Amino acid sequence: MKILVCISHVPDTTSKINFTEDNTLFDTNGVQFIINPNDEFGLTRAMWFKEKQGAHVTVVNVGQVDTEPTLRKALAIGADEAIRVNFKPADGFSVAKQLANVVKTGGYDLVIAGRESIDYNGGMVPGMIAGLTNINFVNTCIGIEVEGNHATVIREIDGGKETVRTSLPLVIGVQKGIVEESDLRIPNMRGIMMARKKPLTVLEPVESNSETTSVIFEKPAPKGAIKMVDTDNLDELVNLLHNEAKVI
């Protein structure tokens, strides 16, 4: 089985975020980048298929040379090879079009992508890949088993879970639950050394037009001052909740 895992290169949530050019461009200076958490959950599940069923795992990223350390980390975790499409991401559609081209030419049985990335939270790329390649698609996946040419997928729905059986090839959008945080793997020294020898192929992008443009970014408003209320003054607490916070 050939598995392709889509990897987004995203800022660590502990990084301080700033914007430049009148709040129209994200400032990457001093920002630590990581594998998108949903993608890392998917990569960890792909490692299970590699170890239990002999799958060949390829990771792919759409980005410029600065994303290669993130791909190398994915290789150190255990992926067999990496692909970087040499394209600066502009919007979800342009990224999906580049990834769809990799899917079409690679003959993959299973394409794993995070349900959404933690930077722009668009949540559109996995579905667009499926649409552009005419491949079956299941989103919000929290479990998957593959037997032969069919997959049984568990997905999260409003108020419960749904079990779906479908044929390969298949695109899935995964989230926490496909594996747990405790299952995530930290690259060891052997994995890091082996990653240096694994192939990282750079592909030139196919022609693609951006369908959307970011106009401006705005940070959340600062939190208001905290008012302390004595534990014995419940009337004052109720008054503040009712007249100022307006939550009761």
C-alpha atoms as a PDB file:
ATOM      1  CA  MET A   1       0.000   0.000   0.000  1.00  0.00           C
ATOM      2  CA  LYS A   2       1.262   3.457  -0.941  1.00  0.00           C
ATOM      3  CA  ILE A   3       0.375   6.243   1.480  1.00  0.00           C
ATOM      4  CA  LEU A   4       0.820   9.969   0.930  1.00  0.00           C
ATOM      5  CA  VAL A   5       0.720  12.183   4.027  1.00  0.00           C
ATOM      6  CA  CYS A   6       0.228  15.904   3.449  1.00  0.00           C
ATOM      7  CA  ILE A   7       2.342  18.011   5.813  1.00  0.00           C
ATOM      8  CA  SER A   8       1.685  21.677   6.612  1.00  0.00           C
ATOM      9  CA  HIS A   9       4.503  23.873   7.940  1.00  0.00           C
ATOM     10  CA  VAL A  10       2.807  25.991  10.625  1.00  0.00           C
ATOM     11  CA  PRO A  11       3.837  28.332  13.463  1.00  0.00           C
ATOM     12  CA  ASP A  12       4.167  26.849  16.933  1.00  0.00           C
ATOM     13  CA  THR A  13       1.205  28.004  19.030  1.00  0.00           C
ATOM     14  CA  THR A  14       3.653  29.398  21.607  1.00  0.00           C
ATOM     15  CA  SER A  15       5.173  31.798  19.049  1.00  0.00           C
ATOM     16  CA  LYS A  16       4.409  35.507  19.215  1.00  0.00           C
ATOM     17  CA  ILE A  17       2.538  36.439  16.033  1.00  0.00           C
ATOM     18  CA  ASN A  18       3.018  39.764  14.236  1.00  0.00           C
ATOM     19  CA  PHE A  19       2.082  41.215  10.871  1.00  0.00           C
ATOM     20  CA  THR A  20       3.805  43.646   8.515  1.00  0.00           C
ATOM     21  CA  GLU A  21       2.869  45.798   5.512  1.00  0.00           C
ATOM     22  CA  ASP A  22      -0.104  47.416   7.292  1.00  0.00           C
ATOM     23  CA  ASN A  23      -1.234  44.058   8.711  1.00  0.00           C
ATOM     24  CA  THR A  24      -1.437  42.382   5.307  1.00  0.00           C
ATOM     25  CA  LEU A  25       1.533  39.982   5.617  1.00  0.00           C
ATOM     26  CA  PHE A  26       2.479  37.469   8.294  1.00  0.00           C
ATOM     27  CA  ASP A  27       5.885  38.239   9.835  1.00  0.00           C
ATOM     28  CA  THR A  28       7.908  35.017  10.101  1.00  0.00           C
ATOM     29  CA  ASN A  29      10.865  36.584  11.916  1.00  0.00           C
ATOM     30  CA  GLY A  30      11.584  34.752  15.170  1.00  0.00           C
ATOM     31  CA  VAL A  31       8.740  32.275  14.664  1.00  0.00           C
ATOM     32  CA  GLN A  32       9.293  28.574  15.379  1.00  0.00           C
ATOM     33  CA  PHE A  33       7.600  26.273  12.845  1.00  0.00           C
ATOM     34  CA  ILE A  34       6.306  22.747  13.435  1.00  0.00           C
ATOM     35  CA  ILE A  35       4.371  19.984  11.697  1.00  0.00           C
ATOM     36  CA  ASN A  36       0.680  20.866  11.749  1.00  0.00           C
ATOM     37  CA  PRO A  37      -0.750  18.841  14.685  1.00  0.00           C
ATOM     38  CA  ASN A  38      -3.565  17.229  12.687  1.00  0.00           C
ATOM     39  CA  ASP A  39      -1.024  16.219  10.038  1.00  0.00           C
ATOM     40  CA  GLU A  40       1.245  14.744  12.712  1.00  0.00           C
ATOM     41  CA  PHE A  41      -1.657  12.634  13.982  1.00  0.00           C
ATOM     42  CA  GLY A  42      -2.112  11.380  10.407  1.00  0.00           C
ATOM     43  CA  LEU A  43       1.597  10.677   9.982  1.00  0.00           C
ATOM     44  CA  THR A  44       1.631   8.651  13.197  1.00  0.00           C
ATOM     45  CA  ARG A  45      -1.283   6.552  11.911  1.00  0.00           C
ATOM     46  CA  ALA A  46       0.586   6.046   8.637  1.00  0.00           C
ATOM     47  CA  MET A  47       3.551   4.707  10.639  1.00  0.00           C
ATOM     48  CA  TRP A  48       1.219   2.047  12.057  1.00  0.00           C
ATOM     49  CA  PHE A  49       0.301   0.965   8.512  1.00  0.00           C
ATOM     50  CA  LYS A  50       4.003   0.878   7.635  1.00  0.00           C
ATOM     51  CA  GLU A  51       4.896  -1.301  10.609  1.00  0.00           C
ATOM     52  CA  LYS A  52       1.856  -3.599  10.568  1.00  0.00           C
ATOM     53  CA  GLN A  53       1.070  -3.857   6.856  1.00  0.00           C
ATOM     54  CA  GLY A  54       4.313  -2.917   5.122  1.00  0.00           C
ATOM     55  CA  ALA A  55       3.010   0.352   3.656  1.00  0.00           C
ATOM     56  CA  HIS A  56       5.348   2.764   1.886  1.00  0.00           C
ATOM     57  CA  VAL A  57       4.897   6.262   3.335  1.00  0.00           C
ATOM     58  CA  THR A  58       5.656   9.482   1.449  1.00  0.00           C
ATOM     59  CA  VAL A  59       5.231  12.941   2.976  1.00  0.00           C
ATOM     60  CA  VAL A  60       4.541  16.013   0.863  1.00  0.00           C
ATOM     61  CA  ASN A  61       4.569  19.731   1.514  1.00  0.00           C
ATOM     62  CA  VAL A  62       3.730  22.708  -0.666  1.00  0.00           C
ATOM     63  CA  GLY A  63       6.262  25.362   0.254  1.00  0.00           C
ATOM     64  CA  GLN A  64       9.639  26.905  -0.287  1.00  0.00           C
ATOM     65  CA  VAL A  65      13.047  25.802   0.950  1.00  0.00           C
ATOM     66  CA  ASP A  66      12.383  26.985   4.514  1.00  0.00           C
ATOM     67  CA  THR A  67       9.859  24.130   4.960  1.00  0.00           C
ATOM     68  CA  GLU A  68      12.454  21.386   4.432  1.00  0.00           C
ATOM     69  CA  PRO A  69      13.380  21.053   8.154  1.00  0.00           C
ATOM     70  CA  THR A  70       9.731  20.183   8.827  1.00  0.00           C
ATOM     71  CA  LEU A  71       9.849  17.514   6.113  1.00  0.00           C
ATOM     72  CA  ARG A  72      13.112  16.178   7.549  1.00  0.00           C
ATOM     73  CA  LYS A  73      11.410  15.821  10.928  1.00  0.00           C
ATOM     74  CA  ALA A  74       8.666  13.787   9.243  1.00  0.00           C
ATOM     75  CA  LEU A  75      11.364  11.579   7.708  1.00  0.00           C
ATOM     76  CA  ALA A  76      13.016  11.211  11.121  1.00  0.00           C
ATOM     77  CA  ILE A  77       9.679  10.067  12.556  1.00  0.00           C
ATOM     78  CA  GLY A  78       9.713   7.263   9.994  1.00  0.00           C
ATOM     79  CA  ALA A  79       8.423   8.323   6.565  1.00  0.00           C
ATOM     80  CA  ASP A  80      10.281   6.681   3.671  1.00  0.00           C
ATOM     81  CA  GLU A  81      10.615   9.691   1.372  1.00  0.00           C
ATOM     82  CA  ALA A  82       9.568  13.309   1.053  1.00  0.00           C
ATOM     83  CA  ILE A  83       8.347  15.608  -1.713  1.00  0.00           C
ATOM     84  CA  ARG A  84       8.400  19.395  -1.641  1.00  0.00           C
ATOM     85  CA  VAL A  85       6.426  21.274  -4.273  1.00  0.00           C
ATOM     86  CA  ASN A  86       8.402  24.480  -4.793  1.00  0.00           C
ATOM     87  CA  PHE A  87       5.470  26.860  -4.498  1.00  0.00           C
ATOM     88  CA  LYS A  88       4.627  29.625  -2.032  1.00  0.00           C
ATOM     89  CA  PRO A  89       1.145  28.817  -0.700  1.00  0.00           C
ATOM     90  CA  ALA A  90      -1.348  31.518  -1.605  1.00  0.00           C
ATOM     91  CA  ASP A  91      -4.712  30.008  -0.658  1.00  0.00           C
ATOM     92  CA  GLY A  92      -6.374  26.639  -0.074  1.00  0.00           C
ATOM     93  CA  PHE A  93      -7.235  26.058  -3.716  1.00  0.00           C
ATOM     94  CA  SER A  94      -3.718  26.664  -5.035  1.00  0.00           C
ATOM     95  CA  VAL A  95      -2.269  24.313  -2.396  1.00  0.00           C
ATOM     96  CA  ALA A  96      -4.863  21.647  -3.176  1.00  0.00           C
ATOM     97  CA  LYS A  97      -4.112  21.898  -6.891  1.00  0.00           C
ATOM     98  CA  GLN A  98      -0.394  21.263  -6.307  1.00  0.00           C
ATOM     99  CA  LEU A  99      -1.135  18.329  -4.008  1.00  0.00           C
ATOM    100  CA  ALA A 100      -3.697  16.901  -6.430  1.00  0.00           C
ATOM    101  CA  ASN A 101      -1.034  16.797  -9.130  1.00  0.00           C
ATOM    102  CA  VAL A 102       1.245  14.790  -6.809  1.00  0.00           C
ATOM    103  CA  VAL A 103      -1.624  12.408  -6.045  1.00  0.00           C
ATOM    104  CA  LYS A 104      -2.454  11.913  -9.730  1.00  0.00           C
ATOM    105  CA  THR A 105       1.121  11.104 -10.721  1.00  0.00           C
ATOM    106  CA  GLY A 106       2.025   9.028  -7.640  1.00  0.00           C
ATOM    107  CA  GLY A 107      -0.585   6.270  -7.738  1.00  0.00           C
ATOM    108  CA  TYR A 108      -1.281   6.414  -4.000  1.00  0.00           C
ATOM    109  CA  ASP A 109      -3.821   4.145  -2.345  1.00  0.00           C
ATOM    110  CA  LEU A 110      -4.414   6.357   0.688  1.00  0.00           C
ATOM    111  CA  VAL A 111      -3.942  10.120   1.034  1.00  0.00           C
ATOM    112  CA  ILE A 112      -3.917  11.405   4.618  1.00  0.00           C
ATOM    113  CA  ALA A 113      -4.282  15.108   5.372  1.00  0.00           C
ATOM    114  CA  GLY A 114      -5.091  17.007   8.527  1.00  0.00           C
ATOM    115  CA  ARG A 115      -8.718  18.139   8.778  1.00  0.00           C
ATOM    116  CA  GLU A 116      -7.403  21.693   8.975  1.00  0.00           C
ATOM    117  CA  SER A 117      -4.183  23.543   9.707  1.00  0.00           C
ATOM    118  CA  ILE A 118      -3.749  25.628  12.846  1.00  0.00           C
ATOM    119  CA  ASP A 119      -2.541  28.727  10.997  1.00  0.00           C
ATOM    120  CA  TYR A 120      -5.471  29.706   8.735  1.00  0.00           C
ATOM    121  CA  ASN A 121      -7.975  27.000   9.799  1.00  0.00           C
ATOM    122  CA  GLY A 122      -9.455  26.873   6.298  1.00  0.00           C
ATOM    123  CA  GLY A 123     -10.396  23.195   6.497  1.00  0.00           C
ATOM    124  CA  MET A 124     -10.754  22.991   2.718  1.00  0.00           C
ATOM    125  CA  VAL A 125      -7.644  21.322   1.287  1.00  0.00           C
ATOM    126  CA  PRO A 126      -8.450  17.596   1.820  1.00  0.00           C
ATOM    127  CA  GLY A 127     -11.881  17.903   0.200  1.00  0.00           C
ATOM    128  CA  MET A 128     -10.472  19.902  -2.699  1.00  0.00           C
ATOM    129  CA  ILE A 129      -7.783  17.258  -3.314  1.00  0.00           C
ATOM    130  CA  ALA A 130     -10.523  14.621  -3.528  1.00  0.00           C
ATOM    131  CA  GLY A 131     -12.586  16.789  -5.851  1.00  0.00           C
ATOM    132  CA  LEU A 132      -9.681  17.549  -8.171  1.00  0.00           C
ATOM    133  CA  THR A 133      -8.641  13.868  -8.359  1.00  0.00           C
ATOM    134  CA  ASN A 134     -12.134  12.326  -8.329  1.00  0.00           C
ATOM    135  CA  ILE A 135     -11.185  10.109  -5.367  1.00  0.00           C
ATOM    136  CA  ASN A 136     -13.418   9.029  -2.470  1.00  0.00           C
ATOM    137  CA  PHE A 137     -13.260  11.350   0.537  1.00  0.00           C
ATOM    138  CA  VAL A 138     -14.077  11.038   4.241  1.00  0.00           C
ATOM    139  CA  ASN A 139     -13.522  13.957   6.624  1.00  0.00           C
ATOM    140  CA  THR A 140     -13.139  14.343  10.423  1.00  0.00           C
ATOM    141  CA  CYS A 141     -11.695  10.825  10.683  1.00  0.00           C
ATOM    142  CA  ILE A 142     -10.859   9.413  14.101  1.00  0.00           C
ATOM    143  CA  GLY A 143     -10.216   5.802  13.049  1.00  0.00           C
ATOM    144  CA  ILE A 144      -9.274   3.802   9.957  1.00  0.00           C
ATOM    145  CA  GLU A 145      -8.537   0.196   9.067  1.00  0.00           C
ATOM    146  CA  VAL A 146      -7.571  -1.034   5.588  1.00  0.00           C
ATOM    147  CA  GLU A 147      -8.167  -4.550   4.349  1.00  0.00           C
ATOM    148  CA  GLY A 148      -7.385  -5.310   0.741  1.00  0.00           C
ATOM    149  CA  ASN A 149      -8.901  -2.669  -1.502  1.00  0.00           C
ATOM    150  CA  HIS A 150     -11.359  -1.375   1.081  1.00  0.00           C
ATOM    151  CA  ALA A 151     -11.168   0.878   4.122  1.00  0.00           C
ATOM    152  CA  THR A 152     -13.395   1.107   7.172  1.00  0.00           C
ATOM    153  CA  VAL A 153     -13.352   4.641   8.532  1.00  0.00           C
ATOM    154  CA  ILE A 154     -14.806   6.088  11.722  1.00  0.00           C
ATOM    155  CA  ARG A 155     -15.633   9.774  11.535  1.00  0.00           C
ATOM    156  CA  GLU A 156     -16.844  12.234  14.120  1.00  0.00           C
ATOM    157  CA  ILE A 157     -20.293  13.705  13.500  1.00  0.00           C
ATOM    158  CA  ASP A 158     -22.487  16.066  15.509  1.00  0.00           C
ATOM    159  CA  GLY A 159     -23.421  14.187  18.652  1.00  0.00           C
ATOM    160  CA  GLY A 160     -21.691  10.908  17.848  1.00  0.00           C
ATOM    161  CA  LYS A 161     -19.677   8.810  15.415  1.00  0.00           C
ATOM    162  CA  GLU A 162     -20.308   7.309  11.978  1.00  0.00           C
ATOM    163  CA  THR A 163     -18.641   4.221  10.500  1.00  0.00           C
ATOM    164  CA  VAL A 164     -18.095   4.318   6.741  1.00  0.00           C
ATOM    165  CA  ARG A 165     -16.868   1.554   4.428  1.00  0.00           C
ATOM    166  CA  THR A 166     -15.426   2.627   1.090  1.00  0.00           C
ATOM    167  CA  SER A 167     -12.957   1.562  -1.574  1.00  0.00           C
ATOM    168  CA  LEU A 168      -9.427   2.717  -2.271  1.00  0.00           C
ATOM    169  CA  PRO A 169      -8.002   5.052  -3.432  1.00  0.00           C
ATOM    170  CA  LEU A 170      -9.196   7.301  -0.647  1.00  0.00           C
ATOM    171  CA  VAL A 171      -8.523  10.774   0.739  1.00  0.00           C
ATOM    172  CA  ILE A 172      -9.158  11.290   4.450  1.00  0.00           C
ATOM    173  CA  GLY A 173      -9.097  14.405   6.614  1.00  0.00           C
ATOM    174  CA  VAL A 174      -7.915  13.378  10.079  1.00  0.00           C
ATOM    175  CA  GLN A 175      -7.900  14.897  13.545  1.00  0.00           C
ATOM    176  CA  LYS A 176      -7.041  13.991  17.108  1.00  0.00           C
ATOM    177  CA  GLY A 177      -8.521  10.575  17.759  1.00  0.00           C
ATOM    178  CA  ILE A 178      -6.978   8.939  14.702  1.00  0.00           C
ATOM    179  CA  VAL A 179      -4.208   8.546  17.291  1.00  0.00           C
ATOM    180  CA  GLU A 180      -3.859  10.094  20.723  1.00  0.00           C
ATOM    181  CA  GLU A 181      -1.252  12.660  21.754  1.00  0.00           C
ATOM    182  CA  SER A 182       0.480   9.976  23.804  1.00  0.00           C
ATOM    183  CA  ASP A 183       1.033   8.001  20.568  1.00  0.00           C
ATOM    184  CA  LEU A 184       2.983  10.792  18.831  1.00  0.00           C
ATOM    185  CA  ARG A 185       6.623   9.989  18.175  1.00  0.00           C
ATOM    186  CA  ILE A 186       9.652  12.086  19.018  1.00  0.00           C
ATOM    187  CA  PRO A 187      12.489  11.532  16.515  1.00  0.00           C
ATOM    188  CA  ASN A 188      15.434   9.736  18.108  1.00  0.00           C
ATOM    189  CA  MET A 189      19.069  10.104  17.086  1.00  0.00           C
ATOM    190  CA  ARG A 190      18.937   7.065  14.800  1.00  0.00           C
ATOM    191  CA  GLY A 191      15.868   8.431  13.050  1.00  0.00           C
ATOM    192  CA  ILE A 192      17.478  11.853  12.615  1.00  0.00           C
ATOM    193  CA  MET A 193      20.626  10.325  11.108  1.00  0.00           C
ATOM    194  CA  MET A 194      18.616   8.110   8.753  1.00  0.00           C
ATOM    195  CA  ALA A 195      16.474  11.071   7.668  1.00  0.00           C
ATOM    196  CA  ARG A 196      19.559  12.746   6.202  1.00  0.00           C
ATOM    197  CA  LYS A 197      19.939   9.873   3.744  1.00  0.00           C
ATOM    198  CA  LYS A 198      16.298   9.550   2.729  1.00  0.00           C
ATOM    199  CA  PRO A 199      15.247  11.117  -0.580  1.00  0.00           C
ATOM    200  CA  LEU A 200      13.671  14.580  -0.583  1.00  0.00           C
ATOM    201  CA  THR A 201      12.447  15.379  -4.090  1.00  0.00           C
ATOM    202  CA  VAL A 202      11.721  18.958  -5.147  1.00  0.00           C
ATOM    203  CA  LEU A 203       9.012  19.344  -7.801  1.00  0.00           C
ATOM    204  CA  GLU A 204       8.226  22.472  -9.766  1.00  0.00           C
ATOM    205  CA  PRO A 205       4.596  23.574  -9.412  1.00  0.00           C
ATOM    206  CA  VAL A 206       1.858  23.203 -11.973  1.00  0.00           C
ATOM    207  CA  GLU A 207       0.144  26.367 -13.130  1.00  0.00           C
ATOM    208  CA  SER A 208      -2.350  27.582 -10.555  1.00  0.00           C
ATOM    209  CA  ASN A 209      -4.326  30.742  -9.888  1.00  0.00           C
ATOM    210  CA  SER A 210      -5.245  32.000  -6.434  1.00  0.00           C
ATOM    211  CA  GLU A 211      -8.993  32.216  -5.959  1.00  0.00           C
ATOM    212  CA  THR A 212      -8.870  34.299  -2.756  1.00  0.00           C
ATOM    213  CA  THR A 213      -6.645  37.058  -1.360  1.00  0.00           C
ATOM    214  CA  SER A 214      -6.088  38.014   2.264  1.00  0.00           C
ATOM    215  CA  VAL A 215      -6.960  41.688   2.669  1.00  0.00           C
ATOM    216  CA  ILE A 216      -5.951  42.316   6.293  1.00  0.00           C
ATOM    217  CA  PHE A 217      -5.119  40.446   9.502  1.00  0.00           C
ATOM    218  CA  GLU A 218      -6.321  41.526  12.940  1.00  0.00           C
ATOM    219  CA  LYS A 219      -5.201  40.255  16.327  1.00  0.00           C
ATOM    220  CA  PRO A 220      -7.764  39.481  19.029  1.00  0.00           C
ATOM    221  CA  ALA A 221      -8.616  42.432  21.248  1.00  0.00           C
ATOM    222  CA  PRO A 222      -6.658  42.545  24.529  1.00  0.00           C
ATOM    223  CA  LYS A 223      -8.394  41.021  27.510  1.00  0.00           C
ATOM    224  CA  GLY A 224     -10.073  43.449  29.869  1.00  0.00           C
ATOM    225  CA  ALA A 225      -9.006  44.143  33.432  1.00  0.00           C
ATOM    226  CA  ILE A 226      -9.884  41.597  36.102  1.00  0.00           C
ATOM    227  CA  LYS A 227     -12.210  42.595  38.932  1.00  0.00           C
ATOM    228  CA  MET A 228     -11.810  40.763  42.192  1.00  0.00           C
ATOM    229  CA  VAL A 229     -14.924  40.085  44.262  1.00  0.00           C
ATOM    230  CA  ASP A 230     -14.840  39.034  47.902  1.00  0.00           C
ATOM    231  CA  THR A 231     -16.121  35.502  48.439  1.00  0.00           C
ATOM    232  CA  ASP A 232     -18.717  36.812  50.878  1.00  0.00           C
ATOM    233  CA  ASN A 233     -20.082  39.461  48.501  1.00  0.00           C
ATOM    234  CA  LEU A 234     -22.299  37.348  46.244  1.00  0.00           C
ATOM    235  CA  ASP A 235     -24.665  40.252  45.549  1.00  0.00           C
ATOM    236  CA  GLU A 236     -21.841  42.240  43.985  1.00  0.00           C
ATOM    237  CA  LEU A 237     -20.815  39.225  41.870  1.00  0.00           C
ATOM    238  CA  VAL A 238     -24.356  38.788  40.577  1.00  0.00           C
ATOM    239  CA  ASN A 239     -24.585  42.525  39.836  1.00  0.00           C
ATOM    240  CA  LEU A 240     -21.353  42.494  37.807  1.00  0.00           C
ATOM    241  CA  LEU A 241     -22.348  39.378  35.866  1.00  0.00           C
ATOM    242  CA  HIS A 242     -25.744  40.846  35.063  1.00  0.00           C
ATOM    243  CA  ASN A 243     -24.976  44.505  34.357  1.00  0.00           C
ATOM    244  CA  GLU A 244     -21.363  44.508  33.120  1.00  0.00           C
ATOM    245  CA  ALA A 245     -20.567  41.066  31.707  1.00  0.00           C
ATOM    246  CA  LYS A 246     -24.220  40.605  30.686  1.00  0.00           C
ATOM    247  CA  VAL A 247     -23.956  36.839  30.900  1.00  0.00           C
ATOM    248  CA  ILE A 248     -26.964  36.378  33.190  1.00  0.00           C
END
